[in-house]
Amino acid sequence: MRTVWASREYGMDKKEELQSSLQWLRCPRCGGETGTQVRPHTVLEDFPLFCPKCRYACVIHFKDGRTVDIKMPDA
């Protein structure tokens, strides 16, 4: 019984650690949170991003904690 409780405690520590390492993707135009969370080692290429605050839609690259906005021609 004691080992089960210890594993639950270990799981909570890992969950807290994961929550602290997550960060929100920010809008390249207004800087608001977009509702998409990423970890530090996440790599995104040609990712469609929408900002609910300023209603800006774009395609981004995300690597090493940096977001690069890609200018896409209108179709």
N, C-alpha and C. Protein backbone atom coordinates (compact mmCIF):
# COMPACT_ATOMS: atom_id res chain seq x y z
N MET A 1 0.82 -1.20 0.00
CA MET A 1 0.00 0.00 0.00
C MET A 1 0.86 1.25 0.00
N ARG A 2 1.94 1.22 0.70
CA ARG A 2 2.82 2.38 0.78
C ARG A 2 3.46 2.70 -0.56
N THR A 3 3.82 1.69 -1.34
CA THR A 3 4.46 1.93 -2.64
C THR A 3 3.48 2.58 -3.63
N VAL A 4 2.20 2.25 -3.53
CA VAL A 4 1.21 2.87 -4.42
C VAL A 4 1.14 4.37 -4.12
N TRP A 5 1.12 4.75 -2.86
CA TRP A 5 1.06 6.16 -2.49
C TRP A 5 2.33 6.89 -2.95
N ALA A 6 3.48 6.22 -2.83
CA ALA A 6 4.73 6.83 -3.25
C ALA A 6 4.72 7.08 -4.77
N SER A 7 4.15 6.15 -5.53
CA SER A 7 4.10 6.35 -6.98
C SER A 7 3.15 7.49 -7.34
N ARG A 8 2.07 7.65 -6.57
CA ARG A 8 1.17 8.78 -6.81
C ARG A 8 1.88 10.10 -6.54
N GLU A 9 2.65 10.14 -5.47
CA GLU A 9 3.40 11.34 -5.16
C GLU A 9 4.41 11.64 -6.26
N TYR A 10 5.05 10.60 -6.77
CA TYR A 10 6.02 10.79 -7.86
C TYR A 10 5.32 11.32 -9.09
N GLY A 11 4.14 10.80 -9.40
CA GLY A 11 3.38 11.26 -10.56
C GLY A 11 3.00 12.72 -10.44
N MET A 12 2.64 13.16 -9.26
CA MET A 12 2.28 14.57 -9.07
C MET A 12 3.50 15.46 -9.30
N ASP A 13 4.67 15.03 -8.84
CA ASP A 13 5.86 15.83 -9.05
C ASP A 13 6.16 15.97 -10.54
N LYS A 14 6.02 14.89 -11.30
CA LYS A 14 6.26 14.94 -12.73
C LYS A 14 5.23 15.84 -13.42
N LYS A 15 3.98 15.79 -12.97
CA LYS A 15 2.94 16.61 -13.57
C LYS A 15 3.24 18.09 -13.33
N GLU A 16 3.63 18.42 -12.12
CA GLU A 16 3.98 19.81 -11.82
C GLU A 16 5.17 20.27 -12.64
N GLU A 17 6.15 19.37 -12.82
CA GLU A 17 7.33 19.71 -13.61
C GLU A 17 6.94 19.95 -15.08
N LEU A 18 6.04 19.14 -15.61
CA LEU A 18 5.58 19.30 -16.99
C LEU A 18 4.84 20.62 -17.14
N GLN A 19 3.97 20.96 -16.20
CA GLN A 19 3.20 22.20 -16.28
C GLN A 19 4.12 23.42 -16.24
N SER A 20 5.20 23.35 -15.49
CA SER A 20 6.10 24.50 -15.40
C SER A 20 6.94 24.66 -16.66
N SER A 21 7.14 23.58 -17.43
CA SER A 21 7.97 23.69 -18.63
C SER A 21 7.15 24.07 -19.86
N LEU A 22 5.82 24.05 -19.78
CA LEU A 22 4.99 24.44 -20.91
C LEU A 22 4.93 25.96 -21.03
N GLN A 23 4.86 26.44 -22.26
CA GLN A 23 4.69 27.87 -22.49
C GLN A 23 3.67 28.06 -23.61
N TRP A 24 3.02 29.20 -23.61
CA TRP A 24 2.02 29.51 -24.61
C TRP A 24 2.69 30.10 -25.85
N LEU A 25 2.22 29.69 -27.03
CA LEU A 25 2.65 30.36 -28.25
C LEU A 25 2.03 31.74 -28.28
N ARG A 26 2.80 32.73 -28.63
CA ARG A 26 2.33 34.12 -28.68
C ARG A 26 2.09 34.55 -30.12
N CYS A 27 1.13 35.41 -30.30
CA CYS A 27 0.80 35.95 -31.61
C CYS A 27 1.95 36.84 -32.09
N PRO A 28 2.42 36.66 -33.34
CA PRO A 28 3.50 37.52 -33.84
C PRO A 28 3.08 38.98 -34.00
N ARG A 29 1.79 39.24 -34.14
CA ARG A 29 1.32 40.61 -34.36
C ARG A 29 1.05 41.35 -33.04
N CYS A 30 0.21 40.77 -32.16
CA CYS A 30 -0.18 41.51 -30.94
C CYS A 30 0.50 41.00 -29.67
N GLY A 31 1.11 39.82 -29.70
CA GLY A 31 1.79 39.28 -28.53
C GLY A 31 0.88 38.56 -27.56
N GLY A 32 -0.39 38.39 -27.90
CA GLY A 32 -1.34 37.69 -27.03
C GLY A 32 -1.17 36.18 -27.10
N GLU A 33 -1.66 35.50 -26.07
CA GLU A 33 -1.61 34.04 -26.05
C GLU A 33 -2.60 33.48 -27.06
N THR A 34 -2.19 32.43 -27.78
CA THR A 34 -3.01 31.90 -28.86
C THR A 34 -3.80 30.65 -28.48
N GLY A 35 -3.55 30.06 -27.33
CA GLY A 35 -4.27 28.85 -26.94
C GLY A 35 -3.52 27.58 -27.30
N THR A 36 -2.32 27.70 -27.83
CA THR A 36 -1.49 26.55 -28.17
C THR A 36 -0.29 26.54 -27.23
N GLN A 37 -0.10 25.42 -26.53
CA GLN A 37 1.03 25.30 -25.62
C GLN A 37 2.11 24.43 -26.24
N VAL A 38 3.37 24.77 -25.97
CA VAL A 38 4.51 24.02 -26.49
C VAL A 38 5.51 23.78 -25.37
N ARG A 39 6.31 22.75 -25.54
CA ARG A 39 7.42 22.46 -24.63
C ARG A 39 8.68 23.07 -25.22
N PRO A 40 9.74 23.19 -24.41
CA PRO A 40 10.97 23.82 -24.92
C PRO A 40 11.59 23.09 -26.11
N HIS A 41 11.43 21.78 -26.22
CA HIS A 41 12.05 21.03 -27.31
C HIS A 41 11.13 20.86 -28.52
N THR A 42 9.97 21.53 -28.54
CA THR A 42 9.03 21.41 -29.64
C THR A 42 9.56 22.10 -30.89
N VAL A 43 9.34 21.45 -32.04
CA VAL A 43 9.70 22.03 -33.33
C VAL A 43 8.44 22.01 -34.19
N LEU A 44 8.05 23.18 -34.69
CA LEU A 44 6.88 23.30 -35.57
C LEU A 44 7.34 23.90 -36.90
N GLU A 45 6.90 23.29 -37.99
CA GLU A 45 7.20 23.82 -39.32
C GLU A 45 5.89 23.93 -40.09
N ASP A 46 5.68 25.07 -40.72
CA ASP A 46 4.45 25.33 -41.48
C ASP A 46 3.21 25.09 -40.63
N PHE A 47 3.20 25.64 -39.42
CA PHE A 47 2.10 25.46 -38.47
C PHE A 47 1.11 26.61 -38.60
N PRO A 48 -0.16 26.30 -38.90
CA PRO A 48 -1.16 27.38 -38.99
C PRO A 48 -1.53 27.87 -37.60
N LEU A 49 -1.36 29.15 -37.36
CA LEU A 49 -1.60 29.74 -36.04
C LEU A 49 -2.68 30.79 -36.16
N PHE A 50 -3.63 30.77 -35.22
CA PHE A 50 -4.71 31.76 -35.20
C PHE A 50 -4.74 32.43 -33.83
N CYS A 51 -4.82 33.76 -33.82
CA CYS A 51 -4.91 34.52 -32.58
C CYS A 51 -6.36 34.94 -32.36
N PRO A 52 -6.99 34.47 -31.29
CA PRO A 52 -8.37 34.86 -31.03
C PRO A 52 -8.52 36.32 -30.58
N LYS A 53 -7.43 36.92 -30.11
CA LYS A 53 -7.50 38.30 -29.63
C LYS A 53 -7.59 39.31 -30.79
N CYS A 54 -6.67 39.20 -31.75
CA CYS A 54 -6.66 40.15 -32.87
C CYS A 54 -7.16 39.52 -34.18
N ARG A 55 -7.51 38.24 -34.13
CA ARG A 55 -8.06 37.49 -35.27
C ARG A 55 -7.07 37.41 -36.43
N TYR A 56 -5.79 37.32 -36.10
CA TYR A 56 -4.74 37.22 -37.11
C TYR A 56 -4.44 35.75 -37.37
N ALA A 57 -4.42 35.34 -38.62
CA ALA A 57 -4.08 33.97 -39.00
C ALA A 57 -2.79 34.01 -39.82
N CYS A 58 -1.86 33.11 -39.50
CA CYS A 58 -0.60 33.06 -40.21
C CYS A 58 -0.03 31.65 -40.15
N VAL A 59 1.07 31.46 -40.83
CA VAL A 59 1.80 30.20 -40.80
C VAL A 59 3.14 30.50 -40.15
N ILE A 60 3.54 29.67 -39.18
CA ILE A 60 4.77 29.95 -38.43
C ILE A 60 5.72 28.77 -38.44
N HIS A 61 6.97 29.06 -38.10
CA HIS A 61 7.98 28.06 -37.75
C HIS A 61 8.32 28.34 -36.29
N PHE A 62 8.45 27.29 -35.48
CA PHE A 62 8.83 27.45 -34.07
C PHE A 62 9.95 26.47 -33.78
N LYS A 63 11.09 27.00 -33.33
CA LYS A 63 12.23 26.15 -32.99
C LYS A 63 13.10 26.88 -31.98
N ASP A 64 13.61 26.17 -31.00
CA ASP A 64 14.49 26.73 -29.96
C ASP A 64 13.85 27.91 -29.24
N GLY A 65 12.52 27.85 -29.04
CA GLY A 65 11.83 28.90 -28.30
C GLY A 65 11.57 30.16 -29.09
N ARG A 66 11.86 30.15 -30.41
CA ARG A 66 11.66 31.33 -31.25
C ARG A 66 10.57 31.06 -32.27
N THR A 67 9.72 32.04 -32.50
CA THR A 67 8.66 31.96 -33.48
C THR A 67 9.01 32.85 -34.67
N VAL A 68 8.91 32.28 -35.87
CA VAL A 68 9.17 33.03 -37.10
C VAL A 68 7.88 33.02 -37.92
N ASP A 69 7.35 34.20 -38.22
CA ASP A 69 6.15 34.36 -39.02
C ASP A 69 6.52 34.25 -40.50
N ILE A 70 5.82 33.41 -41.24
CA ILE A 70 6.09 33.22 -42.67
C ILE A 70 5.02 33.98 -43.45
N LYS A 71 5.46 34.82 -44.33
CA LYS A 71 4.52 35.57 -45.16
C LYS A 71 4.03 34.65 -46.28
N MET A 72 2.72 34.36 -46.26
CA MET A 72 2.12 33.50 -47.26
C MET A 72 1.26 34.36 -48.19
N PRO A 73 1.38 34.17 -49.50
CA PRO A 73 0.54 34.95 -50.41
C PRO A 73 -0.92 34.51 -50.30
N ASP A 74 -1.83 35.47 -50.46
CA ASP A 74 -3.25 35.13 -50.43
C ASP A 74 -3.61 34.35 -51.68
N ALA A 75 -4.46 33.35 -51.51
CA ALA A 75 -4.85 32.51 -52.64
C ALA A 75 -6.04 33.08 -53.37
